[in-house]
PDB file of N, CA and C in Angstrom:
ATOM      1  N   MET A   1      46.920  10.086  -4.397  1.00  0.00           N
ATOM      2  CA  MET A   1      45.700  10.980  -4.292  1.00  0.00           C
ATOM      3  C   MET A   1      44.431  10.048  -4.257  1.00  0.00           C
ATOM      4  N   MET A   2      44.545   9.214  -5.286  1.00  0.00           N
ATOM      5  CA  MET A   2      43.214   8.220  -5.163  1.00  0.00           C
ATOM      6  C   MET A   2      42.903   7.502  -3.967  1.00  0.00           C
ATOM      7  N   LEU A   3      43.943   7.063  -3.354  1.00  0.00           N
ATOM      8  CA  LEU A   3      43.686   6.393  -2.026  1.00  0.00           C
ATOM      9  C   LEU A   3      43.117   7.343  -0.858  1.00  0.00           C
ATOM     10  N   GLU A   4      43.526   8.502  -1.058  1.00  0.00           N
ATOM     11  CA  GLU A   4      43.253   9.612  -0.051  1.00  0.00           C
ATOM     12  C   GLU A   4      41.674   9.810  -0.259  1.00  0.00           C
ATOM     13  N   GLN A   5      41.263   9.949  -1.450  1.00  0.00           N
ATOM     14  CA  GLN A   5      39.789  10.178  -1.765  1.00  0.00           C
ATOM     15  C   GLN A   5      39.020   8.943  -1.432  1.00  0.00           C
ATOM     16  N   GLU A   6      39.500   7.666  -1.568  1.00  0.00           N
ATOM     17  CA  GLU A   6      38.794   6.558  -1.131  1.00  0.00           C
ATOM     18  C   GLU A   6      38.686   6.572   0.417  1.00  0.00           C
ATOM     19  N   ALA A   7      39.605   6.842   0.955  1.00  0.00           N
ATOM     20  CA  ALA A   7      39.577   6.783   2.521  1.00  0.00           C
ATOM     21  C   ALA A   7      38.487   7.983   3.089  1.00  0.00           C
ATOM     22  N   GLU A   8      38.360   8.889   2.429  1.00  0.00           N
ATOM     23  CA  GLU A   8      37.382   9.900   2.661  1.00  0.00           C
ATOM     24  C   GLU A   8      35.942   9.571   2.500  1.00  0.00           C
ATOM     25  N   ILE A   9      35.774   8.694   1.422  1.00  0.00           N
ATOM     26  CA  ILE A   9      34.189   8.219   1.191  1.00  0.00           C
ATOM     27  C   ILE A   9      34.033   6.922   1.884  1.00  0.00           C
ATOM     28  N   GLN A  10      35.009   6.137   2.289  1.00  0.00           N
ATOM     29  CA  GLN A  10      34.723   4.746   2.767  1.00  0.00           C
ATOM     30  C   GLN A  10      33.702   4.770   4.004  1.00  0.00           C
ATOM     31  N   PRO A  11      33.687   5.835   5.010  1.00  0.00           N
ATOM     32  CA  PRO A  11      32.654   5.630   6.025  1.00  0.00           C
ATOM     33  C   PRO A  11      31.254   5.754   5.519  1.00  0.00           C
ATOM     34  N   TYR A  12      31.115   6.011   4.327  1.00  0.00           N
ATOM     35  CA  TYR A  12      29.567   6.186   3.826  1.00  0.00           C
ATOM     36  C   TYR A  12      29.229   4.745   3.125  1.00  0.00           C
ATOM     37  N   ASP A  13      30.094   3.659   3.131  1.00  0.00           N
ATOM     38  CA  ASP A  13      29.695   2.520   2.496  1.00  0.00           C
ATOM     39  C   ASP A  13      28.521   2.076   3.061  1.00  0.00           C
ATOM     40  N   GLN A  14      28.221   1.855   4.381  1.00  0.00           N
ATOM     41  CA  GLN A  14      26.918   1.272   4.885  1.00  0.00           C
ATOM     42  C   GLN A  14      25.791   2.093   4.458  1.00  0.00           C
ATOM     43  N   GLN A  15      25.654   3.414   4.497  1.00  0.00           N
ATOM     44  CA  GLN A  15      24.657   4.161   3.971  1.00  0.00           C
ATOM     45  C   GLN A  15      24.325   4.087   2.460  1.00  0.00           C
ATOM     46  N   ILE A  16      25.451   3.929   1.669  1.00  0.00           N
ATOM     47  CA  ILE A  16      25.323   3.648   0.236  1.00  0.00           C
ATOM     48  C   ILE A  16      24.657   2.323  -0.007  1.00  0.00           C
ATOM     49  N   GLN A  17      24.929   1.340   0.582  1.00  0.00           N
ATOM     50  CA  GLN A  17      24.165   0.039   0.641  1.00  0.00           C
ATOM     51  C   GLN A  17      22.749   0.192   0.840  1.00  0.00           C
ATOM     52  N   ILE A  18      22.377   0.806   1.729  1.00  0.00           N
ATOM     53  CA  ILE A  18      20.932   1.040   2.086  1.00  0.00           C
ATOM     54  C   ILE A  18      20.347   1.685   0.996  1.00  0.00           C
ATOM     55  N   PHE A  19      20.814   2.888   0.467  1.00  0.00           N
ATOM     56  CA  PHE A  19      20.311   3.674  -0.440  1.00  0.00           C
ATOM     57  C   PHE A  19      20.124   2.737  -1.771  1.00  0.00           C
ATOM     58  N   LYS A  20      21.124   2.013  -2.093  1.00  0.00           N
ATOM     59  CA  LYS A  20      21.210   1.128  -3.295  1.00  0.00           C
ATOM     60  C   LYS A  20      19.788   0.159  -3.147  1.00  0.00           C
ATOM     61  N   VAL A  21      19.686  -0.198  -2.037  1.00  0.00           N
ATOM     62  CA  VAL A  21      18.719  -1.302  -1.868  1.00  0.00           C
ATOM     63  C   VAL A  21      17.358  -0.588  -2.136  1.00  0.00           C
ATOM     64  N   LEU A  22      17.154   0.434  -1.721  1.00  0.00           N
ATOM     65  CA  LEU A  22      15.973   1.347  -1.728  1.00  0.00           C
ATOM     66  C   LEU A  22      15.705   1.872  -3.247  1.00  0.00           C
ATOM     67  N   THR A  23      16.639   1.614  -4.151  1.00  0.00           N
ATOM     68  CA  THR A  23      16.409   2.046  -5.585  1.00  0.00           C
ATOM     69  C   THR A  23      15.408   1.182  -6.353  1.00  0.00           C
ATOM     70  N   HIS A  24      14.987   0.092  -5.855  1.00  0.00           N
ATOM     71  CA  HIS A  24      14.289  -0.857  -6.831  1.00  0.00           C
ATOM     72  C   HIS A  24      12.621  -0.718  -6.253  1.00  0.00           C
ATOM     73  N   PRO A  25      11.761  -0.542  -7.418  1.00  0.00           N
ATOM     74  CA  PRO A  25      10.240  -0.291  -6.996  1.00  0.00           C
ATOM     75  C   PRO A  25       9.709  -1.401  -6.345  1.00  0.00           C
ATOM     76  N   ALA A  26      10.147  -2.684  -6.639  1.00  0.00           N
ATOM     77  CA  ALA A  26       9.351  -3.798  -6.093  1.00  0.00           C
ATOM     78  C   ALA A  26      10.008  -3.972  -4.497  1.00  0.00           C
ATOM     79  N   ARG A  27      11.046  -3.615  -4.158  1.00  0.00           N
ATOM     80  CA  ARG A  27      11.574  -3.429  -2.925  1.00  0.00           C
ATOM     81  C   ARG A  27      10.845  -2.398  -2.020  1.00  0.00           C
ATOM     82  N   LEU A  28      10.555  -1.295  -2.780  1.00  0.00           N
ATOM     83  CA  LEU A  28       9.786  -0.185  -1.945  1.00  0.00           C
ATOM     84  C   LEU A  28       8.294  -0.754  -1.770  1.00  0.00           C
ATOM     85  N   ALA A  29       7.674  -1.392  -2.871  1.00  0.00           N
ATOM     86  CA  ALA A  29       6.432  -1.943  -2.491  1.00  0.00           C
ATOM     87  C   ALA A  29       6.486  -2.901  -1.360  1.00  0.00           C
ATOM     88  N   ILE A  30       7.440  -3.886  -1.374  1.00  0.00           N
ATOM     89  CA  ILE A  30       7.386  -4.663  -0.343  1.00  0.00           C
ATOM     90  C   ILE A  30       7.524  -4.055   1.131  1.00  0.00           C
ATOM     91  N   LEU A  31       8.296  -3.052   1.108  1.00  0.00           N
ATOM     92  CA  LEU A  31       8.455  -2.330   2.513  1.00  0.00           C
ATOM     93  C   LEU A  31       7.108  -1.895   2.772  1.00  0.00           C
ATOM     94  N   GLU A  32       6.345  -1.397   1.864  1.00  0.00           N
ATOM     95  CA  GLU A  32       5.119  -0.570   2.077  1.00  0.00           C
ATOM     96  C   GLU A  32       4.140  -1.732   2.463  1.00  0.00           C
ATOM     97  N   ILE A  33       4.228  -2.918   1.994  1.00  0.00           N
ATOM     98  CA  ILE A  33       3.198  -3.970   2.453  1.00  0.00           C
ATOM     99  C   ILE A  33       3.685  -4.340   4.060  1.00  0.00           C
ATOM    100  N   LEU A  34       4.948  -4.386   4.235  1.00  0.00           N
ATOM    101  CA  LEU A  34       5.481  -4.772   5.582  1.00  0.00           C
ATOM    102  C   LEU A  34       5.174  -3.672   6.698  1.00  0.00           C
ATOM    103  N   ARG A  35       4.857  -2.519   6.237  1.00  0.00           N
ATOM    104  CA  ARG A  35       4.604  -1.336   7.069  1.00  0.00           C
ATOM    105  C   ARG A  35       3.638  -1.731   8.265  1.00  0.00           C
ATOM    106  N   ASP A  36       2.619  -2.691   8.131  1.00  0.00           N
ATOM    107  CA  ASP A  36       1.776  -2.959   9.037  1.00  0.00           C
ATOM    108  C   ASP A  36       2.090  -4.211   9.810  1.00  0.00           C
ATOM    109  N   GLY A  37       3.344  -4.858   9.514  1.00  0.00           N
ATOM    110  CA  GLY A  37       3.733  -5.839  10.343  1.00  0.00           C
ATOM    111  C   GLY A  37       4.148  -6.947   9.277  1.00  0.00           C
ATOM    112  N   GLU A  38       4.340  -8.208   9.939  1.00  0.00           N
ATOM    113  CA  GLU A  38       4.917  -9.257   9.101  1.00  0.00           C
ATOM    114  C   GLU A  38       3.928  -9.702   8.216  1.00  0.00           C
ATOM    115  N   HIS A  39       4.395 -10.315   7.038  1.00  0.00           N
ATOM    116  CA  HIS A  39       3.574 -10.964   6.066  1.00  0.00           C
ATOM    117  C   HIS A  39       4.370 -12.147   5.320  1.00  0.00           C
ATOM    118  N   CYS A  40       3.659 -13.073   4.649  1.00  0.00           N
ATOM    119  CA  CYS A  40       4.245 -14.125   4.111  1.00  0.00           C
ATOM    120  C   CYS A  40       4.423 -13.742   2.571  1.00  0.00           C
ATOM    121  N   VAL A  41       5.383 -14.504   1.814  1.00  0.00           N
ATOM    122  CA  VAL A  41       5.614 -14.288   0.460  1.00  0.00           C
ATOM    123  C   VAL A  41       4.275 -14.239  -0.357  1.00  0.00           C
ATOM    124  N   CYS A  42       3.497 -15.292  -0.027  1.00  0.00           N
ATOM    125  CA  CYS A  42       2.236 -15.631  -0.802  1.00  0.00           C
ATOM    126  C   CYS A  42       1.423 -14.355  -0.688  1.00  0.00           C
ATOM    127  N   HIS A  43       1.392 -13.664   0.392  1.00  0.00           N
ATOM    128  CA  HIS A  43       0.545 -12.409   0.815  1.00  0.00           C
ATOM    129  C   HIS A  43       1.081 -11.408  -0.121  1.00  0.00           C
ATOM    130  N   MET A  44       2.368 -11.210  -0.296  1.00  0.00           N
ATOM    131  CA  MET A  44       2.951 -10.119  -1.018  1.00  0.00           C
ATOM    132  C   MET A  44       2.659 -10.423  -2.531  1.00  0.00           C
ATOM    133  N   GLU A  45       2.771 -11.696  -2.927  1.00  0.00           N
ATOM    134  CA  GLU A  45       2.412 -12.157  -4.317  1.00  0.00           C
ATOM    135  C   GLU A  45       0.952 -11.881  -4.626  1.00  0.00           C
ATOM    136  N   ALA A  46       0.056 -11.976  -3.643  1.00  0.00           N
ATOM    137  CA  ALA A  46      -1.300 -11.612  -3.912  1.00  0.00           C
ATOM    138  C   ALA A  46      -1.503 -10.007  -4.154  1.00  0.00           C
ATOM    139  N   TYR A  47      -0.936  -9.370  -3.362  1.00  0.00           N
ATOM    140  CA  TYR A  47      -0.854  -7.904  -3.414  1.00  0.00           C
ATOM    141  C   TYR A  47      -0.276  -7.306  -4.651  1.00  0.00           C
ATOM    142  N   MET A  48       0.910  -7.814  -4.991  1.00  0.00           N
ATOM    143  CA  MET A  48       1.835  -7.238  -5.937  1.00  0.00           C
ATOM    144  C   MET A  48       1.563  -7.770  -7.386  1.00  0.00           C
ATOM    145  N   GLY A  49       1.321  -9.101  -7.575  1.00  0.00           N
ATOM    146  CA  GLY A  49       0.945  -9.572  -8.787  1.00  0.00           C
ATOM    147  C   GLY A  49       2.238 -10.160  -9.420  1.00  0.00           C
ATOM    148  N   PHE A  50       3.435 -10.264  -8.648  1.00  0.00           N
ATOM    149  CA  PHE A  50       4.423 -10.780  -9.203  1.00  0.00           C
ATOM    150  C   PHE A  50       4.662 -12.333  -8.809  1.00  0.00           C
ATOM    151  N   ARG A  51       5.342 -12.872  -9.437  1.00  0.00           N
ATOM    152  CA  ARG A  51       5.614 -14.503  -9.093  1.00  0.00           C
ATOM    153  C   ARG A  51       6.503 -14.487  -7.849  1.00  0.00           C
ATOM    154  N   GLN A  52       6.159 -15.573  -7.216  1.00  0.00           N
ATOM    155  CA  GLN A  52       6.926 -15.790  -5.974  1.00  0.00           C
ATOM    156  C   GLN A  52       8.371 -15.772  -6.013  1.00  0.00           C
ATOM    157  N   ALA A  53       8.937 -16.272  -7.154  1.00  0.00           N
ATOM    158  CA  ALA A  53      10.424 -16.483  -7.322  1.00  0.00           C
ATOM    159  C   ALA A  53      11.149 -14.795  -7.328  1.00  0.00           C
ATOM    160  N   TYR A  54      10.214 -14.052  -8.047  1.00  0.00           N
ATOM    161  CA  TYR A  54      10.859 -12.753  -8.198  1.00  0.00           C
ATOM    162  C   TYR A  54      10.749 -12.031  -6.821  1.00  0.00           C
ATOM    163  N   ILE A  55       9.681 -12.116  -6.177  1.00  0.00           N
ATOM    164  CA  ILE A  55       9.510 -11.492  -4.811  1.00  0.00           C
ATOM    165  C   ILE A  55      10.568 -11.977  -3.855  1.00  0.00           C
ATOM    166  N   SER A  56      10.685 -13.351  -3.739  1.00  0.00           N
ATOM    167  CA  SER A  56      11.854 -13.998  -3.018  1.00  0.00           C
ATOM    168  C   SER A  56      13.187 -13.289  -3.283  1.00  0.00           C
ATOM    169  N   GLN A  57      13.387 -13.101  -4.608  1.00  0.00           N
ATOM    170  CA  GLN A  57      14.780 -12.412  -4.970  1.00  0.00           C
ATOM    171  C   GLN A  57      14.770 -11.193  -4.318  1.00  0.00           C
ATOM    172  N   GLN A  58      13.902 -10.213  -4.307  1.00  0.00           N
ATOM    173  CA  GLN A  58      13.941  -8.967  -3.877  1.00  0.00           C
ATOM    174  C   GLN A  58      13.927  -8.939  -2.267  1.00  0.00           C
ATOM    175  N   LEU A  59      13.214 -10.034  -1.795  1.00  0.00           N
ATOM    176  CA  LEU A  59      13.247 -10.023  -0.207  1.00  0.00           C
ATOM    177  C   LEU A  59      14.740 -10.580   0.112  1.00  0.00           C
ATOM    178  N   SER A  60      15.431 -11.296  -0.696  1.00  0.00           N
ATOM    179  CA  SER A  60      16.743 -11.715  -0.151  1.00  0.00           C
ATOM    180  C   SER A  60      17.808 -10.414  -0.129  1.00  0.00           C
ATOM    181  N   VAL A  61      17.519  -9.631  -1.163  1.00  0.00           N
ATOM    182  CA  VAL A  61      18.380  -8.445  -1.246  1.00  0.00           C
ATOM    183  C   VAL A  61      18.165  -7.636   0.019  1.00  0.00           C
ATOM    184  N   LEU A  62      16.780  -7.412   0.321  1.00  0.00           N
ATOM    185  CA  LEU A  62      16.282  -6.676   1.557  1.00  0.00           C
ATOM    186  C   LEU A  62      16.962  -7.340   2.911  1.00  0.00           C
ATOM    187  N   ARG A  63      16.935  -8.546   2.990  1.00  0.00           N
ATOM    188  CA  ARG A  63      17.400  -9.456   4.322  1.00  0.00           C
ATOM    189  C   ARG A  63      19.000  -9.463   4.145  1.00  0.00           C
ATOM    190  N   GLU A  64      19.618  -9.342   3.009  1.00  0.00           N
ATOM    191  CA  GLU A  64      21.179  -9.369   2.978  1.00  0.00           C
ATOM    192  C   GLU A  64      21.534  -7.724   3.497  1.00  0.00           C
ATOM    193  N   ALA A  65      20.688  -6.989   3.204  1.00  0.00           N
ATOM    194  CA  ALA A  65      21.089  -5.524   3.685  1.00  0.00           C
ATOM    195  C   ALA A  65      20.624  -5.308   5.177  1.00  0.00           C
ATOM    196  N   GLY A  66      20.004  -6.111   5.792  1.00  0.00           N
ATOM    197  CA  GLY A  66      19.799  -6.044   7.073  1.00  0.00           C
ATOM    198  C   GLY A  66      18.392  -5.269   7.423  1.00  0.00           C
ATOM    199  N   ILE A  67      17.584  -5.094   6.404  1.00  0.00           N
ATOM    200  CA  ILE A  67      16.458  -4.217   6.472  1.00  0.00           C
ATOM    201  C   ILE A  67      15.298  -5.086   6.979  1.00  0.00           C
ATOM    202  N   ILE A  68      15.322  -6.355   6.773  1.00  0.00           N
ATOM    203  CA  ILE A  68      14.164  -7.269   7.052  1.00  0.00           C
ATOM    204  C   ILE A  68      14.690  -8.609   7.663  1.00  0.00           C
ATOM    205  N   GLN A  69      13.794  -9.311   8.131  1.00  0.00           N
ATOM    206  CA  GLN A  69      14.206 -10.617   8.681  1.00  0.00           C
ATOM    207  C   GLN A  69      13.136 -11.460   8.344  1.00  0.00           C
ATOM    208  N   ASP A  70      13.310 -12.887   8.511  1.00  0.00           N
ATOM    209  CA  ASP A  70      12.445 -13.864   8.216  1.00  0.00           C
ATOM    210  C   ASP A  70      12.167 -14.724   9.588  1.00  0.00           C
ATOM    211  N   ARG A  71      10.886 -15.445   9.544  1.00  0.00           N
ATOM    212  CA  ARG A  71      10.513 -16.184  10.618  1.00  0.00           C
ATOM    213  C   ARG A  71       9.796 -17.500   9.892  1.00  0.00           C
ATOM    214  N   ARG A  72      10.197 -18.597  10.155  1.00  0.00           N
ATOM    215  CA  ARG A  72       9.576 -19.658   9.639  1.00  0.00           C
ATOM    216  C   ARG A  72       8.487 -20.306  10.480  1.00  0.00           C
ATOM    217  N   ASP A  73       7.241 -20.463   9.912  1.00  0.00           N
ATOM    218  CA  ASP A  73       6.125 -21.273  10.570  1.00  0.00           C
ATOM    219  C   ASP A  73       5.528 -22.372   9.804  1.00  0.00           C
ATOM    220  N   GLY A  74       6.067 -23.547  10.040  1.00  0.00           N
ATOM    221  CA  GLY A  74       5.565 -24.762   9.260  1.00  0.00           C
ATOM    222  C   GLY A  74       6.146 -24.499   7.727  1.00  0.00           C
ATOM    223  N   TRP A  75       5.252 -24.560   6.860  1.00  0.00           N
ATOM    224  CA  TRP A  75       5.823 -24.238   5.515  1.00  0.00           C
ATOM    225  C   TRP A  75       5.891 -22.837   5.107  1.00  0.00           C
ATOM    226  N   ASN A  76       5.538 -21.979   5.860  1.00  0.00           N
ATOM    227  CA  ASN A  76       5.272 -20.509   5.553  1.00  0.00           C
ATOM    228  C   ASN A  76       6.669 -19.832   6.036  1.00  0.00           C
ATOM    229  N   ILE A  77       7.049 -18.841   5.436  1.00  0.00           N
ATOM    230  CA  ILE A  77       7.957 -17.972   5.959  1.00  0.00           C
ATOM    231  C   ILE A  77       7.555 -16.586   5.880  1.00  0.00           C
ATOM    232  N   TYR A  78       7.546 -16.010   7.194  1.00  0.00           N
ATOM    233  CA  TYR A  78       6.922 -14.524   7.257  1.00  0.00           C
ATOM    234  C   TYR A  78       8.222 -13.527   7.358  1.00  0.00           C
ATOM    235  N   TYR A  79       8.103 -12.352   6.713  1.00  0.00           N
ATOM    236  CA  TYR A  79       8.954 -11.352   6.729  1.00  0.00           C
ATOM    237  C   TYR A  79       8.501 -10.070   7.418  1.00  0.00           C
ATOM    238  N   ARG A  80       9.546  -9.429   8.140  1.00  0.00           N
ATOM    239  CA  ARG A  80       9.157  -8.327   8.639  1.00  0.00           C
ATOM    240  C   ARG A  80      10.363  -7.229   8.796  1.00  0.00           C
ATOM    241  N   VAL A  81      10.110  -5.961   8.975  1.00  0.00           N
ATOM    242  CA  VAL A  81      11.079  -5.083   9.006  1.00  0.00           C
ATOM    243  C   VAL A  81      11.653  -5.142  10.474  1.00  0.00           C
ATOM    244  N   ILE A  82      13.066  -4.964  10.387  1.00  0.00           N
ATOM    245  CA  ILE A  82      13.708  -4.932  11.547  1.00  0.00           C
ATOM    246  C   ILE A  82      13.820  -3.666  12.266  1.00  0.00           C
ATOM    247  N   ASP A  83      14.160  -2.744  11.696  1.00  0.00           N
ATOM    248  CA  ASP A  83      14.219  -1.260  12.289  1.00  0.00           C
ATOM    249  C   ASP A  83      13.168  -0.413  11.591  1.00  0.00           C
ATOM    250  N   GLU A  84      12.112  -0.022  12.337  1.00  0.00           N
ATOM    251  CA  GLU A  84      11.054   0.802  11.850  1.00  0.00           C
ATOM    252  C   GLU A  84      11.507   2.207  11.274  1.00  0.00           C
ATOM    253  N   ARG A  85      12.738   2.555  11.521  1.00  0.00           N
ATOM    254  CA  ARG A  85      13.203   3.935  11.126  1.00  0.00           C
ATOM    255  C   ARG A  85      13.348   3.927   9.658  1.00  0.00           C
ATOM    256  N   ILE A  86      13.288   2.785   9.080  1.00  0.00           N
ATOM    257  CA  ILE A  86      13.419   2.700   7.534  1.00  0.00           C
ATOM    258  C   ILE A  86      12.127   3.525   6.988  1.00  0.00           C
ATOM    259  N   TYR A  87      11.091   3.452   7.656  1.00  0.00           N
ATOM    260  CA  TYR A  87      10.002   4.233   7.191  1.00  0.00           C
ATOM    261  C   TYR A  87      10.011   5.727   7.376  1.00  0.00           C
ATOM    262  N   ASP A  88      10.834   6.235   8.231  1.00  0.00           N
ATOM    263  CA  ASP A  88      11.115   7.768   8.339  1.00  0.00           C
ATOM    264  C   ASP A  88      11.804   8.047   7.176  1.00  0.00           C
ATOM    265  N   VAL A  89      12.858   7.244   6.689  1.00  0.00           N
ATOM    266  CA  VAL A  89      13.395   7.593   5.507  1.00  0.00           C
ATOM    267  C   VAL A  89      12.495   7.511   4.326  1.00  0.00           C
ATOM    268  N   LEU A  90      11.726   6.561   4.045  1.00  0.00           N
ATOM    269  CA  LEU A  90      10.755   6.605   3.078  1.00  0.00           C
ATOM    270  C   LEU A  90       9.648   7.731   3.162  1.00  0.00           C
ATOM    271  N   ASP A  91       9.269   7.981   4.268  1.00  0.00           N
ATOM    272  CA  ASP A  91       8.249   9.048   4.533  1.00  0.00           C
ATOM    273  C   ASP A  91       8.915  10.527   3.864  1.00  0.00           C
ATOM    274  N   ILE A  92      10.252  10.630   4.403  1.00  0.00           N
ATOM    275  CA  ILE A  92      10.995  11.742   3.797  1.00  0.00           C
ATOM    276  C   ILE A  92      10.878  11.937   2.320  1.00  0.00           C
ATOM    277  N   VAL A  93      11.265  10.782   1.813  1.00  0.00           N
ATOM    278  CA  VAL A  93      11.440  10.847   0.161  1.00  0.00           C
ATOM    279  C   VAL A  93      10.055  11.041  -0.387  1.00  0.00           C
ATOM    280  N   TRP A  94       9.099  10.553   0.279  1.00  0.00           N
ATOM    281  CA  TRP A  94       7.679  10.758  -0.300  1.00  0.00           C
ATOM    282  C   TRP A  94       7.266  12.361  -0.166  1.00  0.00           C
ATOM    283  N   ARG A  95       7.717  13.014   0.739  1.00  0.00           N
ATOM    284  CA  ARG A  95       7.306  14.349   1.103  1.00  0.00           C
ATOM    285  C   ARG A  95       8.396  15.143   0.099  1.00  0.00           C
ATOM    286  N   MET A  96       9.659  14.787   0.010  1.00  0.00           N
ATOM    287  CA  MET A  96      10.537  15.579  -0.821  1.00  0.00           C
ATOM    288  C   MET A  96      10.334  15.440  -2.404  1.00  0.00           C
ATOM    289  N   THR A  97       9.484  14.465  -2.822  1.00  0.00           N
ATOM    290  CA  THR A  97       9.081  14.246  -4.139  1.00  0.00           C
ATOM    291  C   THR A  97       7.804  14.906  -4.466  1.00  0.00           C
ATOM    292  N   GLY A  98       6.882  15.169  -3.294  1.00  0.00           N
ATOM    293  CA  GLY A  98       5.678  15.753  -3.480  1.00  0.00           C
ATOM    294  C   GLY A  98       4.722  14.719  -3.642  1.00  0.00           C
ATOM    295  N   GLN A  99       4.968  13.601  -3.775  1.00  0.00           N
ATOM    296  CA  GLN A  99       4.069  12.492  -3.943  1.00  0.00           C
ATOM    297  C   GLN A  99       3.392  11.918  -2.563  1.00  0.00           C
ATOM    298  N   VAL A 100       2.206  11.493  -2.802  1.00  0.00           N
ATOM    299  CA  VAL A 100       1.327  10.895  -1.696  1.00  0.00           C
ATOM    300  C   VAL A 100       1.931   9.470  -1.531  1.00  0.00           C
ATOM    301  N   GLU A 101       2.098   9.027  -0.338  1.00  0.00           N
ATOM    302  CA  GLU A 101       2.462   7.482  -0.153  1.00  0.00           C
ATOM    303  C   GLU A 101       1.287   6.722  -0.935  1.00  0.00           C
ATOM    304  N   PRO A 102       1.866   5.629  -1.506  1.00  0.00           N
ATOM    305  CA  PRO A 102       0.689   4.784  -2.194  1.00  0.00           C
ATOM    306  C   PRO A 102       0.088   4.054  -1.222  1.00  0.00           C
ATOM    307  N   GLU A 103      -1.385   3.887  -1.502  1.00  0.00           N
ATOM    308  CA  GLU A 103      -2.137   3.166  -0.603  1.00  0.00           C
ATOM    309  C   GLU A 103      -2.047   1.794  -1.267  1.00  0.00           C
ATOM    310  N   ILE A 104      -1.919   0.623  -0.173  1.00  0.00           N
ATOM    311  CA  ILE A 104      -1.841  -0.630  -0.683  1.00  0.00           C
ATOM    312  C   ILE A 104      -3.272  -1.182  -0.899  1.00  0.00           C
ATOM    313  N   LYS A 105      -3.494  -1.395  -2.179  1.00  0.00           N
ATOM    314  CA  LYS A 105      -4.692  -1.695  -2.772  1.00  0.00           C
ATOM    315  C   LYS A 105      -5.138  -3.129  -2.411  1.00  0.00           C
ATOM    316  N   LYS A 106      -6.336  -3.615  -2.660  1.00  0.00           N
ATOM    317  CA  LYS A 106      -6.869  -4.867  -2.359  1.00  0.00           C
ATOM    318  C   LYS A 106      -5.906  -5.972  -3.119  1.00  0.00           C
ATOM    319  N   PRO A 107      -5.790  -7.160  -2.633  1.00  0.00           N
ATOM    320  CA  PRO A 107      -5.041  -8.090  -3.307  1.00  0.00           C
ATOM    321  C   PRO A 107      -5.761  -8.386  -4.606  1.00  0.00           C
ATOM    322  N   ILE A 108      -4.697  -8.736  -5.649  1.00  0.00           N
ATOM    323  CA  ILE A 108      -5.137  -9.178  -7.057  1.00  0.00           C
ATOM    324  C   ILE A 108      -5.688 -10.426  -6.859  1.00  0.00           C
ATOM    325  N   VAL A 109      -5.091 -11.480  -6.098  1.00  0.00           N
ATOM    326  CA  VAL A 109      -5.669 -12.731  -5.882  1.00  0.00           C
ATOM    327  C   VAL A 109      -5.829 -12.973  -4.216  1.00  0.00           C
ATOM    328  N   VAL A 110      -6.533 -13.980  -3.919  1.00  0.00           N
ATOM    329  CA  VAL A 110      -6.613 -14.130  -2.464  1.00  0.00           C
ATOM    330  C   VAL A 110      -5.480 -14.940  -1.837  1.00  0.00           C
ATOM    331  N   CYS A 111      -4.888 -14.444  -0.664  1.00  0.00           N
ATOM    332  CA  CYS A 111      -3.659 -15.096  -0.128  1.00  0.00           C
ATOM    333  C   CYS A 111      -4.280 -16.433   0.646  1.00  0.00           C
ATOM    334  N   THR A 112      -3.790 -17.426   0.671  1.00  0.00           N
ATOM    335  CA  THR A 112      -4.350 -18.594   1.307  1.00  0.00           C
ATOM    336  C   THR A 112      -3.434 -19.091   2.378  1.00  0.00           C
ATOM    337  N   CYS A 113      -2.646 -18.286   2.879  1.00  0.00           N
ATOM    338  CA  CYS A 113      -1.716 -18.682   3.936  1.00  0.00           C
ATOM    339  C   CYS A 113      -2.460 -18.710   5.143  1.00  0.00           C
ATOM    340  N   PRO A 114      -2.122 -19.509   6.215  1.00  0.00           N
ATOM    341  CA  PRO A 114      -2.801 -19.660   7.428  1.00  0.00           C
ATOM    342  C   PRO A 114      -3.200 -18.268   8.162  1.00  0.00           C
ATOM    343  N   LYS A 115      -2.313 -17.518   8.101  1.00  0.00           N
ATOM    344  CA  LYS A 115      -2.574 -16.209   8.732  1.00  0.00           C
ATOM    345  C   LYS A 115      -3.791 -15.370   8.182  1.00  0.00           C
ATOM    346  N   CYS A 116      -3.591 -15.435   6.855  1.00  0.00           N
ATOM    347  CA  CYS A 116      -4.757 -14.653   6.110  1.00  0.00           C
ATOM    348  C   CYS A 116      -5.891 -15.181   6.137  1.00  0.00           C
ATOM    349  N   SER A 117      -5.925 -16.615   5.994  1.00  0.00           N
ATOM    350  CA  SER A 117      -7.148 -17.501   6.048  1.00  0.00           C
ATOM    351  C   SER A 117      -7.781 -17.205   7.347  1.00  0.00           C
ATOM    352  N   ALA A 118      -6.940 -17.259   8.595  1.00  0.00           N
ATOM    353  CA  ALA A 118      -7.396 -17.003   9.749  1.00  0.00           C
ATOM    354  C   ALA A 118      -8.176 -15.666  10.051  1.00  0.00           C
ATOM    355  N   GLN A 119      -7.564 -14.699   9.484  1.00  0.00           N
ATOM    356  CA  GLN A 119      -8.136 -13.230   9.501  1.00  0.00           C
ATOM    357  C   GLN A 119      -9.417 -13.139   8.840  1.00  0.00           C
ATOM    358  N   ALA A 120      -9.477 -13.851   7.582  1.00  0.00           N
ATOM    359  CA  ALA A 120     -10.599 -13.791   6.926  1.00  0.00           C
ATOM    360  C   ALA A 120     -11.680 -14.741   6.910  1.00  0.00           C
ATOM    361  N   GLY A 121     -11.248 -15.731   8.222  1.00  0.00           N
ATOM    362  CA  GLY A 121     -12.427 -16.719   8.557  1.00  0.00           C
ATOM    363  C   GLY A 121     -12.520 -17.748   7.677  1.00  0.00           C
ATOM    364  N   ILE A 122     -11.495 -18.046   6.800  1.00  0.00           N
ATOM    365  CA  ILE A 122     -11.565 -18.980   5.856  1.00  0.00           C
ATOM    366  C   ILE A 122     -11.054 -20.293   6.501  1.00  0.00           C
ATOM    367  N   GLY A 123     -11.750 -21.483   6.173  1.00  0.00           N
ATOM    368  CA  GLY A 123     -11.363 -22.736   6.884  1.00  0.00           C
ATOM    369  C   GLY A 123     -11.647 -22.902   8.228  1.00  0.00           C
ATOM    370  N   LEU A 124     -12.308 -22.018   8.860  1.00  0.00           N
ATOM    371  CA  LEU A 124     -12.577 -22.227  10.326  1.00  0.00           C
ATOM    372  C   LEU A 124     -13.922 -22.859  10.442  1.00  0.00           C
ATOM    373  N   LYS A 125     -14.133 -23.817  11.203  1.00  0.00           N
ATOM    374  CA  LYS A 125     -15.441 -24.551  11.616  1.00  0.00           C
ATOM    375  C   LYS A 125     -15.984 -23.994  12.754  1.00  0.00           C
TER     376      LYS A 125
END
């Protein structure tokens, strides 16, 4: 009887893994930051106020689940969402809970990565 029940729920394993990954508030915050494109860890650190090691740990979980991927550019690693449909899921959850999607506030500290510095005109001559 138990084997029969396990066989019935096995097709849901991949979906369960995605939902498990989405149960952590830091991972949801990371996905919201990545909503507008790729960003480096130091950028996320500036916005979230968490230590780089903690953010990297959460990024690893998202990457292992196949939700994000990374790209190395010199010393910096940039992360982006692989399948934008994850935002359809998040948007539905926001509507179901009656909450407004959180706005990404200004960074707590300034991100000094080359991408952010170029956008802010820092270090340009």
